[in-house]
Amino acid sequence: MRFPFKAFLLFLFTVSAFSQTLSDKARVSLITCGKGDQLYSLFGHTALRINDPVTGIDRVYNYGTFDFRTPNFVLRFVKGDMQYFASASSFNDFIYEYQYDKRSVFEQLLNFPQDKKQVLFDRLNKSLQGPEKFYTYKFLDNNCTTKVMELINDVLGSKVLKKVGNKEVSYRDLMYTGFEGHFFEQWGTSLFFGPKVDRKAENIFLPIELWESVNAAQYRNKPLLEKNISWLVFDDPVMPFSIWNNVFVYLIFLALLVFWRNKTLVLSYFTIVSLLGAFFCFQGLYSFHEELKWDYNALLVNPLLFGLVIAYLRKSDRQLFIWSWINLICLLLYLGCMITKIHLLIMLPMIVAHGIILLTWALQSRKRLKVDR
């Protein structure tokens, strides 16, 4: 039987981590990382650093780790029971990784009392083992940033860190610009996220918001922030122009729907869109993500469009007339919902394309019904 050397080393690390006592030279820092060019990194990252030059400890702890190899990864992510977990690395390894990815790294040294440093250090090490290692990721309420914020507030014993930016804008407003250069990702999240993200953004959920909060925070009548340090500074990644992932592909396709008037294309499109709408309605029952529930975008990608497809295939002008107007009414309701929303502009071409096709079919079927009389 082979000796489980790696498991033994992990055991020694865990034991040593729990038994370590920080010196009075130990420092606690918040690490804020810039955005990357991958979908999961578009909003940056938050981590905590514990640096003690006396004991040689210099670790970065974060709650933003996940594993693509998780069984049924996509289904679990959509359902909302995807397990993220806490992890730790040396500061040098952390910096090397972000330098390789050309992502900015900023550090904020915090004025932590000595006894609170040790409590935080012990809590962080404990979170690397056992049930506390894992947590259920939620986009707005339980992510790498909110976990760090809640931990710091809990250790300090008061709500030191809180939202200091504009609380009148919505969560959707804050997210929307983060997708610049990723057109279909921006379009997709606009379509998938429901009314929860239209609420006023009164709580911190983005790394930059926590960074701003630390700059303004007071603890025991003193600034929580001692010093800002810039370790890596890169410009935000600029996505090269994609032949497929751009607004022109979107507009050209919708123009083909309206002006080419290819029945097979239009019927296929409405079938796919209606199935997507059915998924939107179903996901409210299936998913634990509150951001996806009661999605009014189902009025645009409407499951009732399938009734229109069936009526067309059955060559029933009466049913085609009825289903066209039902979907037109839904489209008008959707437009009413969208008037004040930031994603109106990106959805407007679909609204116009659907409206033209539906109105054309309604008028044509009505005309044929009059002739038949």
Protein backbone atom coordinates (compact mmCIF):
# COMPACT_ATOMS: atom_id res chain seq x y z
CA MET A 1 0.00 0.00 0.00
CA ARG A 2 1.41 3.40 -1.02
CA PHE A 3 1.83 6.02 1.68
CA PRO A 4 -0.56 8.95 0.99
CA PHE A 5 2.20 11.56 1.00
CA LYS A 6 0.10 14.44 -0.42
CA ALA A 7 -2.67 13.85 2.08
CA PHE A 8 -0.08 13.80 4.86
CA LEU A 9 1.38 17.13 3.70
CA LEU A 10 -2.13 18.64 3.57
CA PHE A 11 -2.73 17.40 7.11
CA LEU A 12 0.52 18.97 8.33
CA PHE A 13 -0.36 22.26 6.62
CA THR A 14 -3.80 22.30 8.26
CA VAL A 15 -2.43 21.52 11.69
CA SER A 16 0.31 24.14 11.40
CA ALA A 17 -2.13 26.76 10.05
CA PHE A 18 -4.51 26.31 12.97
CA SER A 19 -1.70 26.39 15.52
CA GLN A 20 0.06 29.52 14.21
CA THR A 21 -0.01 32.75 16.16
CA LEU A 22 0.51 36.01 14.35
CA SER A 23 3.13 38.43 15.54
CA ASP A 24 2.46 42.11 16.21
CA LYS A 25 4.01 42.83 12.79
CA ALA A 26 1.26 40.96 10.93
CA ARG A 27 -0.79 42.93 8.44
CA VAL A 28 -4.31 42.41 7.06
CA SER A 29 -5.08 43.67 3.56
CA LEU A 30 -7.97 43.70 1.15
CA ILE A 31 -6.95 42.71 -2.38
CA THR A 32 -8.99 44.03 -5.32
CA CYS A 33 -8.27 42.69 -8.79
CA GLY A 34 -9.15 44.22 -12.12
CA LYS A 35 -11.39 42.70 -14.77
CA GLY A 36 -10.28 39.99 -17.18
CA ASP A 37 -11.44 38.99 -20.63
CA GLN A 38 -13.28 35.83 -19.58
CA LEU A 39 -16.99 35.91 -18.69
CA TYR A 40 -16.39 34.90 -15.05
CA SER A 41 -13.74 37.64 -14.62
CA LEU A 42 -15.52 40.62 -16.18
CA PHE A 43 -16.26 42.24 -12.81
CA GLY A 44 -12.93 41.69 -11.07
CA HIS A 45 -12.18 39.78 -7.90
CA THR A 46 -11.81 40.29 -4.14
CA ALA A 47 -9.45 38.49 -1.74
CA LEU A 48 -7.78 38.91 1.67
CA ARG A 49 -4.05 38.91 2.39
CA ILE A 50 -2.40 38.00 5.69
CA ASN A 51 1.25 39.00 5.74
CA ASP A 52 3.49 38.41 8.78
CA PRO A 53 7.21 38.98 8.08
CA VAL A 54 8.17 37.58 11.51
CA THR A 55 6.58 34.15 11.02
CA GLY A 56 7.01 34.11 7.23
CA ILE A 57 3.28 33.89 6.58
CA ASP A 58 2.17 35.60 3.38
CA ARG A 59 -1.07 34.11 2.11
CA VAL A 60 -3.97 35.26 -0.04
CA TYR A 61 -7.40 33.83 0.81
CA ASN A 62 -10.31 34.03 -1.58
CA TYR A 63 -13.87 32.72 -1.94
CA GLY A 64 -14.08 32.83 -5.70
CA THR A 65 -12.86 29.34 -6.57
CA PHE A 66 -14.92 26.88 -8.60
CA ASP A 67 -14.22 23.73 -10.59
CA PHE A 68 -15.31 23.37 -14.23
CA ARG A 69 -15.01 19.60 -13.77
CA THR A 70 -17.92 19.55 -11.32
CA PRO A 71 -20.48 16.98 -12.56
CA ASN A 72 -23.39 18.67 -14.37
CA PHE A 73 -21.60 22.02 -14.05
CA VAL A 74 -23.93 23.99 -16.36
CA LEU A 75 -27.16 22.56 -14.94
CA ARG A 76 -26.01 23.15 -11.38
CA PHE A 77 -24.95 26.72 -12.19
CA VAL A 78 -28.36 27.43 -13.77
CA LYS A 79 -30.16 25.76 -10.88
CA GLY A 80 -28.27 27.89 -8.37
CA ASP A 81 -26.77 25.20 -6.16
CA MET A 82 -23.27 25.48 -7.65
CA GLN A 83 -20.70 25.12 -4.88
CA TYR A 84 -17.87 27.64 -4.81
CA PHE A 85 -15.15 27.19 -2.21
CA ALA A 86 -12.48 29.00 -0.23
CA SER A 87 -8.86 28.58 -1.24
CA ALA A 88 -5.45 29.99 -0.33
CA SER A 89 -2.17 30.56 -2.11
CA SER A 90 1.08 32.36 -1.49
CA PHE A 91 1.06 36.04 -2.33
CA ASN A 92 3.87 35.55 -4.86
CA ASP A 93 1.88 32.84 -6.70
CA PHE A 94 -1.20 35.05 -6.62
CA ILE A 95 0.65 38.02 -8.12
CA TYR A 96 2.30 35.82 -10.75
CA GLU A 97 -1.08 34.49 -11.91
CA TYR A 98 -2.56 37.97 -12.29
CA GLN A 99 0.55 39.30 -13.96
CA TYR A 100 0.34 36.45 -16.46
CA ASP A 101 -3.32 37.31 -17.13
CA LYS A 102 -2.47 41.05 -17.29
CA ARG A 103 -5.01 41.97 -14.64
CA SER A 104 -4.52 44.80 -12.16
CA VAL A 105 -4.00 44.08 -8.46
CA PHE A 106 -4.54 46.72 -5.76
CA GLU A 107 -3.95 46.27 -2.03
CA GLN A 108 -5.51 48.18 0.85
CA LEU A 109 -3.68 47.84 4.17
CA LEU A 110 -6.24 47.77 6.97
CA ASN A 111 -5.97 49.15 10.51
CA PHE A 112 -6.84 45.93 12.32
CA PRO A 113 -6.30 45.56 16.09
CA GLN A 114 -3.91 42.73 16.96
CA ASP A 115 -6.56 40.55 18.60
CA LYS A 116 -8.86 40.95 15.59
CA LYS A 117 -6.04 39.96 13.22
CA GLN A 118 -5.68 36.62 14.97
CA VAL A 119 -9.43 36.01 14.96
CA LEU A 120 -9.60 36.76 11.24
CA PHE A 121 -6.57 34.57 10.52
CA ASP A 122 -8.08 31.64 12.44
CA ARG A 123 -11.44 32.09 10.68
CA LEU A 124 -9.78 32.13 7.28
CA ASN A 125 -7.82 28.95 7.98
CA LYS A 126 -10.91 27.26 9.35
CA SER A 127 -12.79 28.13 6.16
CA LEU A 128 -10.29 26.05 4.17
CA GLN A 129 -11.44 22.83 5.81
CA GLY A 130 -14.71 21.06 6.47
CA PRO A 131 -18.20 22.31 5.60
CA GLU A 132 -17.19 25.98 5.87
CA LYS A 133 -14.96 25.55 2.81
CA PHE A 134 -17.97 25.44 0.46
CA TYR A 135 -20.78 27.88 -0.12
CA THR A 136 -23.64 28.22 -2.59
CA TYR A 137 -22.81 30.96 -5.05
CA LYS A 138 -25.37 33.72 -5.63
CA PHE A 139 -24.57 36.45 -8.13
CA LEU A 140 -25.80 39.38 -6.04
CA ASP A 141 -25.91 38.07 -2.49
CA ASN A 142 -23.19 35.47 -1.99
CA ASN A 143 -20.01 35.88 -3.99
CA CYS A 144 -16.28 36.44 -3.48
CA THR A 145 -16.88 40.08 -2.51
CA THR A 146 -19.86 39.69 -0.20
CA LYS A 147 -18.17 36.78 1.63
CA VAL A 148 -15.09 38.90 2.40
CA MET A 149 -17.19 41.90 3.42
CA GLU A 150 -19.35 39.82 5.77
CA LEU A 151 -16.29 38.16 7.30
CA ILE A 152 -14.58 41.49 8.04
CA ASN A 153 -17.77 42.98 9.50
CA ASP A 154 -18.32 39.89 11.63
CA VAL A 155 -14.76 39.87 12.99
CA LEU A 156 -14.83 43.60 13.75
CA GLY A 157 -18.23 43.21 15.39
CA SER A 158 -20.00 46.00 13.51
CA LYS A 159 -21.13 46.95 10.03
CA VAL A 160 -17.98 48.84 9.22
CA LEU A 161 -18.12 48.03 5.52
CA LYS A 162 -21.28 49.15 3.73
CA LYS A 163 -22.36 50.66 0.44
CA VAL A 164 -21.07 54.20 -0.04
CA GLY A 165 -21.72 54.71 -3.77
CA ASN A 166 -24.88 55.67 -5.62
CA LYS A 167 -27.77 53.65 -4.18
CA GLU A 168 -30.33 55.01 -6.63
CA VAL A 169 -29.09 53.06 -9.65
CA SER A 170 -30.12 49.45 -10.13
CA TYR A 171 -27.99 46.32 -9.95
CA ARG A 172 -28.63 45.92 -13.68
CA ASP A 173 -27.23 49.42 -14.32
CA LEU A 174 -24.02 48.52 -12.48
CA MET A 175 -23.63 45.21 -14.33
CA TYR A 176 -24.54 46.42 -17.79
CA THR A 177 -21.37 48.34 -18.62
CA GLY A 178 -19.22 45.45 -17.41
CA PHE A 179 -20.07 43.53 -20.57
CA GLU A 180 -18.64 46.09 -23.00
CA GLY A 181 -16.90 44.24 -25.84
CA HIS A 182 -18.95 41.10 -25.13
CA PHE A 183 -22.11 41.87 -27.07
CA PHE A 184 -23.96 38.55 -26.89
CA GLU A 185 -22.98 38.07 -23.24
CA GLN A 186 -24.50 41.50 -22.56
CA TRP A 187 -27.58 40.61 -24.60
CA GLY A 188 -27.91 37.20 -22.92
CA THR A 189 -27.66 38.49 -19.35
CA SER A 190 -30.11 41.29 -20.21
CA LEU A 191 -32.53 38.61 -21.34
CA PHE A 192 -31.95 36.10 -18.55
CA PHE A 193 -31.97 38.39 -15.51
CA GLY A 194 -35.38 39.30 -14.14
CA PRO A 195 -36.78 42.03 -11.88
CA LYS A 196 -34.49 41.38 -8.90
CA VAL A 197 -31.57 43.03 -10.68
CA ASP A 198 -33.79 46.06 -11.41
CA ARG A 199 -33.95 46.86 -7.70
CA LYS A 200 -31.90 49.75 -6.32
CA ALA A 201 -28.33 48.62 -5.64
CA GLU A 202 -28.34 49.31 -1.92
CA ASN A 203 -25.84 46.58 -1.01
CA ILE A 204 -22.27 45.86 -2.07
CA PHE A 205 -21.82 43.06 -4.59
CA LEU A 206 -18.96 44.19 -6.86
CA PRO A 207 -15.24 44.28 -5.93
CA ILE A 208 -14.92 47.97 -6.85
CA GLU A 209 -17.76 48.79 -4.45
CA LEU A 210 -15.97 47.07 -1.55
CA TRP A 211 -12.77 48.92 -2.46
CA GLU A 212 -14.68 52.22 -2.28
CA SER A 213 -16.24 51.20 1.04
CA VAL A 214 -12.84 50.49 2.60
CA ASN A 215 -11.60 53.92 1.49
CA ALA A 216 -14.46 55.55 3.38
CA ALA A 217 -14.82 53.19 6.39
CA GLN A 218 -14.24 54.18 10.00
CA TYR A 219 -13.46 51.77 12.86
CA ARG A 220 -13.22 52.95 16.47
CA ASN A 221 -13.25 56.55 15.23
CA LYS A 222 -10.25 55.96 12.97
CA PRO A 223 -10.01 55.25 9.25
CA LEU A 224 -10.04 51.53 8.52
CA LEU A 225 -7.70 52.15 5.60
CA GLU A 226 -4.05 52.73 6.37
CA LYS A 227 -2.56 52.70 2.90
CA ASN A 228 -3.33 51.99 -0.76
CA ILE A 229 -0.76 50.00 -2.75
CA SER A 230 -0.80 49.34 -6.49
CA TRP A 231 0.97 46.06 -7.27
CA LEU A 232 -0.07 45.61 -10.88
CA VAL A 233 -1.71 48.22 -13.10
CA PHE A 234 -3.04 47.25 -16.51
CA ASP A 235 -5.60 48.86 -18.75
CA ASP A 236 -8.90 47.03 -18.83
CA PRO A 237 -8.75 44.39 -21.57
CA VAL A 238 -10.00 45.55 -24.95
CA MET A 239 -11.70 42.74 -26.81
CA PRO A 240 -10.65 42.43 -30.45
CA PHE A 241 -13.47 42.75 -32.94
CA SER A 242 -15.23 39.42 -33.33
CA ILE A 243 -16.79 38.40 -36.64
CA TRP A 244 -19.66 36.72 -34.78
CA ASN A 245 -19.92 38.36 -31.37
CA ASN A 246 -21.03 41.87 -32.31
CA VAL A 247 -24.12 44.01 -32.74
CA PHE A 248 -23.97 43.87 -36.55
CA VAL A 249 -24.59 40.11 -36.63
CA TYR A 250 -27.57 40.66 -34.35
CA LEU A 251 -29.03 43.44 -36.54
CA ILE A 252 -28.36 41.63 -39.83
CA PHE A 253 -30.11 38.49 -38.60
CA LEU A 254 -33.18 40.44 -37.45
CA ALA A 255 -33.23 42.35 -40.74
CA LEU A 256 -33.22 39.03 -42.62
CA LEU A 257 -36.21 37.90 -40.54
CA VAL A 258 -38.19 41.00 -41.42
CA PHE A 259 -37.22 41.70 -45.04
CA TRP A 260 -36.26 38.32 -46.51
CA ARG A 261 -39.61 36.90 -45.40
CA ASN A 262 -38.36 33.33 -45.56
CA LYS A 263 -41.13 31.30 -43.91
CA THR A 264 -38.82 28.48 -42.82
CA LEU A 265 -36.42 30.91 -41.16
CA VAL A 266 -39.19 32.83 -39.37
CA LEU A 267 -40.99 29.70 -38.18
CA SER A 268 -37.73 28.14 -36.99
CA TYR A 269 -36.81 31.35 -35.17
CA PHE A 270 -40.19 31.64 -33.44
CA THR A 271 -40.04 27.97 -32.44
CA ILE A 272 -36.62 28.39 -30.83
CA VAL A 273 -37.64 31.65 -29.16
CA SER A 274 -40.86 30.12 -27.79
CA LEU A 275 -38.91 27.20 -26.33
CA LEU A 276 -36.51 29.69 -24.74
CA GLY A 277 -39.50 31.51 -23.29
CA ALA A 278 -40.86 28.23 -21.92
CA PHE A 279 -37.47 27.69 -20.29
CA PHE A 280 -37.67 31.15 -18.71
CA CYS A 281 -41.04 30.25 -17.22
CA PHE A 282 -39.79 26.84 -16.10
CA GLN A 283 -36.52 28.10 -14.61
CA GLY A 284 -38.47 30.08 -12.02
CA LEU A 285 -39.62 26.75 -10.62
CA TYR A 286 -36.31 24.93 -11.20
CA SER A 287 -33.66 27.50 -10.30
CA PHE A 288 -32.72 28.81 -6.86
CA HIS A 289 -31.35 31.99 -8.47
CA GLU A 290 -33.77 34.75 -7.49
CA GLU A 291 -32.23 36.88 -10.25
CA LEU A 292 -33.81 34.54 -12.82
CA LYS A 293 -37.32 34.36 -11.38
CA TRP A 294 -40.41 36.14 -12.73
CA ASP A 295 -38.49 37.22 -15.81
CA TYR A 296 -40.63 39.70 -17.73
CA ASN A 297 -38.38 39.09 -20.76
CA ALA A 298 -40.61 36.05 -21.37
CA LEU A 299 -43.06 38.56 -22.85
CA LEU A 300 -40.53 39.04 -25.66
CA VAL A 301 -39.22 35.50 -26.05
CA ASN A 302 -42.75 34.34 -25.54
CA PRO A 303 -43.81 30.67 -25.24
CA LEU A 304 -47.13 31.75 -26.81
CA LEU A 305 -45.27 32.27 -30.08
CA PHE A 306 -45.44 28.50 -30.47
CA GLY A 307 -49.23 28.84 -30.86
CA LEU A 308 -48.53 31.19 -33.75
CA VAL A 309 -46.24 28.59 -35.37
CA ILE A 310 -48.87 25.85 -35.04
CA ALA A 311 -51.56 28.12 -36.48
CA TYR A 312 -49.32 28.94 -39.46
CA LEU A 313 -48.53 25.27 -40.12
CA ARG A 314 -52.22 24.39 -39.89
CA LYS A 315 -52.99 27.20 -42.34
CA SER A 316 -55.71 28.49 -40.05
CA ASP A 317 -56.10 32.20 -40.69
CA ARG A 318 -58.51 32.63 -37.81
CA GLN A 319 -56.04 31.11 -35.32
CA LEU A 320 -53.15 32.97 -36.92
CA PHE A 321 -55.04 36.25 -36.50
CA ILE A 322 -55.84 35.51 -32.85
CA TRP A 323 -52.31 34.33 -31.92
CA SER A 324 -50.72 37.28 -33.72
CA TRP A 325 -52.74 39.75 -31.67
CA ILE A 326 -52.18 37.88 -28.41
CA ASN A 327 -48.43 38.09 -28.98
CA LEU A 328 -48.67 41.73 -30.07
CA ILE A 329 -50.42 42.57 -26.81
CA CYS A 330 -47.66 40.75 -24.87
CA LEU A 331 -45.09 42.71 -26.86
CA LEU A 332 -46.77 46.01 -25.94
CA LEU A 333 -46.78 44.97 -22.27
CA TYR A 334 -43.10 44.14 -22.55
CA LEU A 335 -42.35 47.53 -24.09
CA GLY A 336 -44.17 49.14 -21.17
CA CYS A 337 -41.99 47.19 -18.72
CA MET A 338 -38.85 48.22 -20.57
CA ILE A 339 -39.35 51.98 -20.90
CA THR A 340 -37.15 52.86 -17.91
CA LYS A 341 -34.70 49.93 -18.20
CA ILE A 342 -31.10 50.31 -19.28
CA HIS A 343 -31.32 47.29 -21.59
CA LEU A 344 -34.18 48.74 -23.66
CA LEU A 345 -31.79 49.76 -26.44
CA ILE A 346 -30.27 46.30 -26.85
CA MET A 347 -33.72 44.68 -26.89
CA LEU A 348 -35.38 47.29 -29.12
CA PRO A 349 -34.34 45.66 -32.44
CA MET A 350 -36.00 42.40 -31.34
CA ILE A 351 -39.11 44.28 -30.24
CA VAL A 352 -39.34 46.05 -33.61
CA ALA A 353 -38.66 42.85 -35.61
CA HIS A 354 -41.26 40.84 -33.69
CA GLY A 355 -43.76 43.69 -33.96
CA ILE A 356 -43.41 44.03 -37.74
CA ILE A 357 -43.74 40.27 -38.34
CA LEU A 358 -46.69 39.86 -35.98
CA LEU A 359 -48.55 42.88 -37.33
CA THR A 360 -47.93 41.75 -40.91
CA TRP A 361 -49.28 38.28 -40.18
CA ALA A 362 -52.28 39.70 -38.32
CA LEU A 363 -53.20 42.00 -41.23
CA GLN A 364 -52.62 39.33 -43.87
CA SER A 365 -54.72 36.73 -42.06
CA ARG A 366 -57.48 39.31 -41.50
CA LYS A 367 -57.45 40.16 -45.20
CA ARG A 368 -57.73 36.50 -46.19
CA LEU A 369 -60.59 35.97 -43.75
CA LYS A 370 -62.51 38.87 -45.39
CA VAL A 371 -61.94 37.40 -48.85
CA ASP A 372 -63.18 33.99 -47.71
CA ARG A 373 -66.43 35.53 -46.59
